[in-house]
Amino acid sequence: MPIYEYHCEKCDRDFEYIIFGKEKPCCPSCNSKKVCKQMSVCGFVSKGGGGETVTRSAGASSCSGCAATSCGGCSH
C-alpha cells in the first residue's frame, strides 16, 4: 500500500494518505476532495557489495541544479 503526500487546495494543508485500491484521497482537516499529489523525496537502504550499507535519497543529491526525483537517470 503506497503512501502519497498531498496538498489541500481548500485549507492549504499538506498531509500523507495511504491509498487502498482506487480510493480517492480527501483532506483530513476539511474533508475536501480538491487535493493534489506532491513530489516526495524517498530514501532507501540497500546492502552494497562486501556487506556495506548504502543509504541514498533523491533529496540528498549532489547535483545542485537537478530537479529530478532520482539520480538514476541523471547524466551528471
Protein backbone atom coordinates (compact mmCIF):
# COMPACT_ATOMS: atom_id res chain seq x y z
CA MET A 1 0.00 0.00 0.00
CA PRO A 2 1.72 3.18 -1.12
CA ILE A 3 1.74 6.32 0.99
CA TYR A 4 1.42 9.52 -1.01
CA GLU A 5 1.83 13.16 0.01
CA TYR A 6 -0.95 15.59 -0.90
CA HIS A 7 -1.74 19.29 -0.61
CA CYS A 8 -5.29 20.50 0.04
CA GLU A 9 -6.24 23.41 -2.21
CA LYS A 10 -9.10 24.44 0.08
CA CYS A 11 -7.39 24.72 3.50
CA ASP A 12 -3.73 24.82 2.31
CA ARG A 13 -2.69 21.80 4.42
CA ASP A 14 -0.13 19.14 3.46
CA PHE A 15 -0.83 15.55 4.50
CA GLU A 16 0.04 11.92 3.80
CA TYR A 17 -2.53 9.36 2.68
CA ILE A 18 -2.35 5.57 2.32
CA ILE A 19 -4.07 4.51 -0.90
CA PHE A 20 -6.20 1.35 -0.93
CA GLY A 21 -7.04 0.26 -4.48
CA LYS A 22 -8.66 3.06 -6.49
CA GLU A 23 -9.59 5.09 -3.43
CA LYS A 24 -9.59 8.89 -3.85
CA PRO A 25 -7.94 10.92 -1.06
CA CYS A 26 -9.67 13.66 0.88
CA CYS A 27 -8.20 16.20 3.28
CA PRO A 28 -8.29 15.01 6.92
CA SER A 29 -8.81 18.62 8.11
CA CYS A 30 -11.68 19.85 5.95
CA ASN A 31 -12.77 16.70 4.02
CA SER A 32 -12.22 18.46 0.69
CA LYS A 33 -11.58 16.31 -2.39
CA LYS A 34 -9.67 19.23 -4.03
CA VAL A 35 -6.21 17.81 -3.32
CA CYS A 36 -3.13 17.47 -5.49
CA LYS A 37 -0.35 14.92 -5.23
CA GLN A 38 3.03 16.30 -4.22
CA MET A 39 6.52 15.21 -5.25
CA SER A 40 8.01 13.12 -2.48
CA VAL A 41 11.62 12.55 -1.57
CA CYS A 42 12.15 8.89 -0.97
CA GLY A 43 15.08 7.19 0.65
CA PHE A 44 16.20 3.63 0.72
CA VAL A 45 18.84 1.43 2.31
CA SER A 46 20.48 -1.41 0.45
CA LYS A 47 23.36 -3.75 1.10
CA GLY A 48 26.24 -2.99 -1.21
CA GLY A 49 28.85 -5.47 -2.29
CA GLY A 50 31.02 -6.64 0.58
CA GLY A 51 28.32 -6.17 3.24
CA GLU A 52 28.50 -2.37 3.38
CA THR A 53 25.26 -0.46 3.94
CA VAL A 54 24.48 2.20 1.35
CA THR A 55 21.85 4.85 2.13
CA ARG A 56 20.61 7.13 -0.63
CA SER A 57 17.95 9.74 -1.02
CA ALA A 58 16.91 11.81 -4.02
CA GLY A 59 16.82 14.81 -1.70
CA ALA A 60 20.48 14.28 -0.82
CA SER A 61 21.64 14.51 -4.42
CA SER A 62 24.98 16.17 -5.06
CA CYS A 63 23.56 17.86 -8.17
CA SER A 64 22.61 21.36 -7.13
CA GLY A 65 20.66 22.25 -10.27
CA CYS A 66 18.83 18.97 -10.81
CA ALA A 67 15.05 18.86 -10.45
CA ALA A 68 14.77 15.08 -10.89
CA THR A 69 13.34 12.91 -8.14
CA SER A 70 16.02 10.29 -8.66
CA CYS A 71 19.68 10.28 -9.65
CA GLY A 72 19.16 7.02 -11.61
CA GLY A 73 18.56 8.81 -14.91
CA CYS A 74 20.91 11.72 -14.28
CA SER A 75 23.75 12.23 -16.74
CA HIS A 76 25.90 14.25 -14.29
